[in-house]
Every structure is written in structure tokens, then in C-alpha cells.
Amino acid sequence: MNLNGSVLLSYLSIYLSAAWMTLKIAGLGVLLSALVGMLCSMTAYYRIPVLQRIAAGYIEISRNTPLLVQLFFLYFGLPKIGIRLSGFACAVIGTAFLGGSYMAESFRSGLEAVEQGQRESAESLGMSRLQAMRYVIFPQALALSVPGLFANIIFLIKETSVVSAIALPDLMYAAKDLIGNDYNTGEALLLLTASYLCILLPISMLARFTERRLRYAGFGN
């Protein structure tokens, strides 16, 4: 396959702009999904009756429907009942909705891995339930959840590739648009692959580094 260097250079600015859009969607989606995941995992950990069932239902719906379907519901379905959201808002909400269920499972597994005696010891020292969670249980659970959390982050960044279906100019949208207009398929796909690698490889390396440091500190053994 012959690649045209001048074409690659002319496409760089387009891919940089598209990468920024992808990062904005993924960044906000990951932050919101982590918040949703923490809340859902807390309801399961403390076995709050009604909220636990709501969280469990949300997790089942989220994990068993594709992100593309969720985006179509937000972008095309909600306007039918008078709720109109921008494509960017739909992408962030959809990413957070999908990611929240996966984050919840990661946090839940981390919380369950913390020995019950830790909580009992904290409460015997006079800590409230909230203080025990904040200072004793959650820091340990977070450390134990790190592998799953990083895996979810990488998964969500890759999942953002479907937001081009609602006309958001992300990396996938840029590649498809350039291929359709200029027919420079090789150059467009090379830059698409390189862009995702530039985003995901540092996160993957950070995940391995963090996991090693936590093992040395005694977590996860």
C-alpha cells in the first residue's frame, strides 16, 4: 500500500481536532460514570433496599444494551417527547450511562474485597459509617479496583467511536468523512489507528505502572 506523505500532513489538523472531541467526550463520560458507579456500588454495599433494586435494574439495562442504541434513544427518541439534547450532551450521557454500570461492578468488587473486620474496627474506634467509608474502606477498595477501573476507561474511550452515528466530529467521523470525500483510505485509516494508539497506549502504560506500585504497597495480594 502506497501512502502519500503530503496527504498525511494535510490531514493532521483534522485528526487533532477530532481527537480533542473524542477526549472531551471520553473524559466527561469517564468522570460521570465513575460517580454513578460509586453511588451504585454504595447502595449494594450497604444493602439499601429500594435504591439497591433501582441500581441493579439500571446495571442490567445498561450492560445489556449497546451504546449505539442508547445514543439513538437520546438523540432521536427523546425529541419525540419534547426533550432535545445536543449531540455532544447525548454522547457524554450515553457514555456515562454505559460506563456507570461497569464502574459499579469494579467498585463493588473492590468494596467486597475489603475485610469486614476493617469496617468493624473503624466503627469500634468511634467512627461513623460515613467516616469509616471515607477513611478506611474506600481507599482500600479503590486500590483494589484499579485494574478494573483502567480497563473500563480504555473500554469507554474505544466505545466513543460510535458517536459519529449522531454526527459528532470525533476520530471515526473524521476518518469516514475523509475516505468518502477523497478516497485516501490508507492515509485516513493509518491516522485513525495512530490517533487511538496515542490516546490509549499512555493510559495502558499508566495502568501497568499503577498496578505494580500497588502490588509493592501490599494491595491486591
Protein backbone atom coordinates (compact mmCIF):
# COMPACT_ATOMS: atom_id res chain seq x y z
CA MET A 1 0.00 0.00 0.00
CA ASN A 2 1.47 3.35 -1.08
CA LEU A 3 0.93 6.24 1.29
CA ASN A 4 1.09 9.89 0.30
CA GLY A 5 3.09 11.92 2.82
CA SER A 6 1.57 15.24 1.78
CA VAL A 7 -1.92 13.82 2.29
CA LEU A 8 -0.97 12.60 5.77
CA LEU A 9 0.33 16.05 6.68
CA SER A 10 -2.76 17.78 5.32
CA TYR A 11 -4.98 15.50 7.44
CA LEU A 12 -3.12 16.08 10.73
CA SER A 13 -5.04 19.19 11.77
CA ILE A 14 -8.36 17.43 11.10
CA TYR A 15 -7.35 14.47 13.25
CA LEU A 16 -6.07 16.70 16.04
CA SER A 17 -9.43 18.45 16.20
CA ALA A 18 -11.25 15.11 16.07
CA ALA A 19 -9.01 13.68 18.80
CA TRP A 20 -9.85 16.63 21.04
CA MET A 21 -13.55 15.94 20.54
CA THR A 22 -13.02 12.26 21.37
CA LEU A 23 -11.07 13.17 24.52
CA LYS A 24 -13.73 15.63 25.70
CA ILE A 25 -16.50 13.06 25.31
CA ALA A 26 -14.45 10.28 26.89
CA GLY A 27 -13.14 12.44 29.74
CA LEU A 28 -16.53 13.73 30.81
CA GLY A 29 -18.10 10.30 30.27
CA VAL A 30 -15.49 8.57 32.43
CA LEU A 31 -15.83 11.11 35.25
CA LEU A 32 -19.62 10.85 35.31
CA SER A 33 -19.55 7.06 35.00
CA ALA A 34 -17.15 6.84 37.94
CA LEU A 35 -19.55 8.94 40.03
CA VAL A 36 -22.53 6.80 39.00
CA GLY A 37 -20.53 3.65 39.65
CA MET A 38 -19.57 4.75 43.15
CA LEU A 39 -23.16 5.57 44.06
CA CYS A 40 -24.45 2.24 42.73
CA SER A 41 -21.74 0.27 44.50
CA MET A 42 -22.51 2.02 47.79
CA THR A 43 -26.18 1.08 47.59
CA ALA A 44 -25.17 -2.56 47.06
CA TYR A 45 -22.53 -2.49 49.80
CA TYR A 46 -24.88 -1.07 52.42
CA ARG A 47 -27.86 -3.01 51.02
CA ILE A 48 -30.18 -0.01 50.86
CA PRO A 49 -33.48 -1.75 49.94
CA VAL A 50 -35.15 0.42 47.30
CA LEU A 51 -32.02 2.06 45.91
CA GLN A 52 -30.27 -1.28 45.64
CA ARG A 53 -33.02 -2.62 43.38
CA ILE A 54 -33.03 0.54 41.26
CA ALA A 55 -29.24 0.34 40.86
CA ALA A 56 -29.42 -3.36 39.97
CA GLY A 57 -32.08 -2.65 37.33
CA TYR A 58 -30.02 0.19 35.87
CA ILE A 59 -26.94 -2.04 35.67
CA GLU A 60 -28.83 -4.76 33.84
CA ILE A 61 -30.32 -2.30 31.32
CA SER A 62 -27.02 -0.51 30.77
CA ARG A 63 -24.87 -3.61 30.32
CA ASN A 64 -27.34 -5.36 28.01
CA THR A 65 -27.98 -2.57 25.51
CA PRO A 66 -25.37 -1.31 23.01
CA LEU A 67 -24.10 2.26 23.31
CA LEU A 68 -25.30 2.94 19.76
CA VAL A 69 -28.88 2.07 20.75
CA GLN A 70 -28.61 4.28 23.82
CA LEU A 71 -27.35 7.17 21.69
CA PHE A 72 -30.18 6.77 19.20
CA PHE A 73 -32.69 6.80 22.06
CA LEU A 74 -31.20 10.01 23.48
CA TYR A 75 -30.69 11.79 20.16
CA PHE A 76 -33.71 10.65 18.14
CA GLY A 77 -36.11 9.27 20.73
CA LEU A 78 -36.22 11.97 23.41
CA PRO A 79 -37.23 14.77 20.96
CA LYS A 80 -40.45 12.80 20.37
CA ILE A 81 -41.45 13.66 23.95
CA GLY A 82 -40.16 17.22 23.80
CA ILE A 83 -36.66 16.71 25.24
CA ARG A 84 -33.93 17.92 22.91
CA LEU A 85 -30.26 17.47 23.70
CA SER A 86 -27.21 18.41 21.67
CA GLY A 87 -25.20 15.65 20.06
CA PHE A 88 -22.33 16.31 22.48
CA ALA A 89 -24.62 16.04 25.52
CA CYS A 90 -26.10 12.80 24.17
CA ALA A 91 -22.62 11.36 23.66
CA VAL A 92 -21.48 12.24 27.20
CA ILE A 93 -24.70 10.99 28.81
CA GLY A 94 -24.64 7.79 26.76
CA THR A 95 -21.00 7.11 27.64
CA ALA A 96 -21.69 7.78 31.33
CA PHE A 97 -24.83 5.62 31.27
CA LEU A 98 -22.94 2.69 29.78
CA GLY A 99 -19.78 3.18 31.80
CA GLY A 100 -21.55 3.65 35.12
CA SER A 101 -22.65 0.02 35.21
CA TYR A 102 -19.14 -1.26 34.54
CA MET A 103 -17.62 1.12 37.07
CA ALA A 104 -20.21 -0.01 39.63
CA GLU A 105 -19.11 -3.62 39.27
CA SER A 106 -15.45 -2.65 39.64
CA PHE A 107 -16.11 -0.60 42.77
CA ARG A 108 -18.40 -3.28 44.18
CA SER A 109 -15.75 -5.97 43.79
CA GLY A 110 -13.23 -3.69 45.48
CA LEU A 111 -15.55 -2.97 48.40
CA GLU A 112 -16.34 -6.64 48.87
CA ALA A 113 -12.63 -7.48 48.86
CA VAL A 114 -12.03 -5.28 51.93
CA GLU A 115 -12.24 -7.42 55.05
CA GLN A 116 -15.33 -6.89 57.20
CA GLY A 117 -13.05 -6.50 60.20
CA GLN A 118 -11.76 -3.21 58.77
CA ARG A 119 -15.22 -1.70 58.97
CA GLU A 120 -15.87 -3.12 62.42
CA SER A 121 -12.53 -1.83 63.71
CA ALA A 122 -13.22 1.64 62.36
CA GLU A 123 -16.65 1.76 63.96
CA SER A 124 -15.27 0.45 67.26
CA LEU A 125 -12.92 3.44 67.30
CA GLY A 126 -15.93 5.76 67.22
CA MET A 127 -16.05 6.49 63.52
CA SER A 128 -19.43 6.98 61.91
CA ARG A 129 -20.41 4.82 58.96
CA LEU A 130 -19.54 7.68 56.60
CA GLN A 131 -16.15 8.27 58.24
CA ALA A 132 -15.31 4.57 58.13
CA MET A 133 -16.12 4.50 54.43
CA ARG A 134 -14.17 7.67 53.67
CA TYR A 135 -11.01 7.00 55.65
CA VAL A 136 -10.73 3.22 55.93
CA ILE A 137 -12.83 1.21 53.49
CA PHE A 138 -12.98 3.26 50.30
CA PRO A 139 -9.21 3.96 49.95
CA GLN A 140 -8.53 0.22 50.15
CA ALA A 141 -11.41 -0.60 47.80
CA LEU A 142 -10.21 1.99 45.29
CA ALA A 143 -6.71 0.49 45.27
CA LEU A 144 -8.13 -2.99 44.75
CA SER A 145 -10.39 -1.73 41.95
CA VAL A 146 -7.61 -0.10 39.93
CA PRO A 147 -7.17 -2.87 37.31
CA GLY A 148 -10.89 -2.96 36.57
CA LEU A 149 -11.21 0.83 36.53
CA PHE A 150 -8.41 1.27 34.00
CA ALA A 151 -9.87 -1.49 31.84
CA ASN A 152 -13.21 0.33 31.90
CA ILE A 153 -11.58 3.65 30.97
CA ILE A 154 -9.90 2.09 27.93
CA PHE A 155 -13.14 0.34 27.01
CA LEU A 156 -15.14 3.58 27.17
CA ILE A 157 -12.64 5.53 25.10
CA LYS A 158 -12.87 2.89 22.38
CA GLU A 159 -16.66 2.86 22.62
CA THR A 160 -16.79 6.58 21.77
CA SER A 161 -16.05 5.58 18.19
CA VAL A 162 -19.80 5.07 17.67
CA VAL A 163 -20.74 8.70 18.46
CA SER A 164 -20.07 9.53 14.80
CA ALA A 165 -23.52 7.98 14.21
CA ILE A 166 -25.07 11.14 15.65
CA ALA A 167 -22.86 13.41 13.52
CA LEU A 168 -20.25 14.31 16.13
CA PRO A 169 -16.85 15.08 14.54
CA ASP A 170 -14.81 12.55 16.51
CA LEU A 171 -11.95 10.44 15.17
CA MET A 172 -14.15 7.87 13.47
CA TYR A 173 -16.30 10.58 11.88
CA ALA A 174 -13.18 12.31 10.54
CA ALA A 175 -11.86 9.07 9.03
CA LYS A 176 -15.15 8.17 7.36
CA ASP A 177 -15.61 11.71 6.07
CA LEU A 178 -12.13 11.87 4.54
CA ILE A 179 -12.46 8.42 2.97
CA GLY A 180 -15.82 9.34 1.48
CA ASN A 181 -14.61 12.68 0.10
CA ASP A 182 -11.03 11.96 -1.01
CA TYR A 183 -10.84 8.16 -1.25
CA ASN A 184 -7.47 8.22 0.54
CA THR A 185 -8.39 5.16 2.57
CA GLY A 186 -4.88 4.10 3.57
CA GLU A 187 -3.87 7.52 4.88
CA ALA A 188 -7.16 8.06 6.71
CA LEU A 189 -7.08 4.65 8.42
CA LEU A 190 -3.39 4.96 9.32
CA LEU A 191 -4.00 8.27 11.09
CA LEU A 192 -7.13 6.87 12.74
CA THR A 193 -5.18 3.94 14.16
CA ALA A 194 -2.27 6.15 15.20
CA SER A 195 -4.63 8.58 16.95
CA TYR A 196 -6.23 5.88 19.08
CA LEU A 197 -2.83 4.42 19.90
CA CYS A 198 -1.55 7.83 21.01
CA ILE A 199 -4.53 8.14 23.35
CA LEU A 200 -4.75 4.58 24.66
CA LEU A 201 -1.13 3.45 24.96
CA PRO A 202 -0.20 6.02 27.65
CA ILE A 203 -3.29 5.02 29.66
CA SER A 204 -2.39 1.36 29.32
CA MET A 205 1.19 2.06 30.45
CA LEU A 206 -0.08 4.12 33.39
CA ALA A 207 -2.38 1.26 34.37
CA ARG A 208 0.50 -1.24 34.45
CA PHE A 209 2.70 1.18 36.41
CA THR A 210 -0.05 1.88 38.95
CA GLU A 211 -0.82 -1.83 39.39
CA ARG A 212 2.87 -2.58 40.04
CA ARG A 213 3.12 0.20 42.61
CA LEU A 214 0.01 -1.02 44.39
CA ARG A 215 1.35 -4.57 44.48
CA TYR A 216 4.58 -3.31 46.03
CA ALA A 217 2.49 -1.43 48.60
CA GLY A 218 0.72 -4.65 49.51
CA PHE A 219 -2.65 -4.16 47.81
CA GLY A 220 -4.19 -6.96 45.83
CA ASN A 221 -2.01 -9.69 47.32
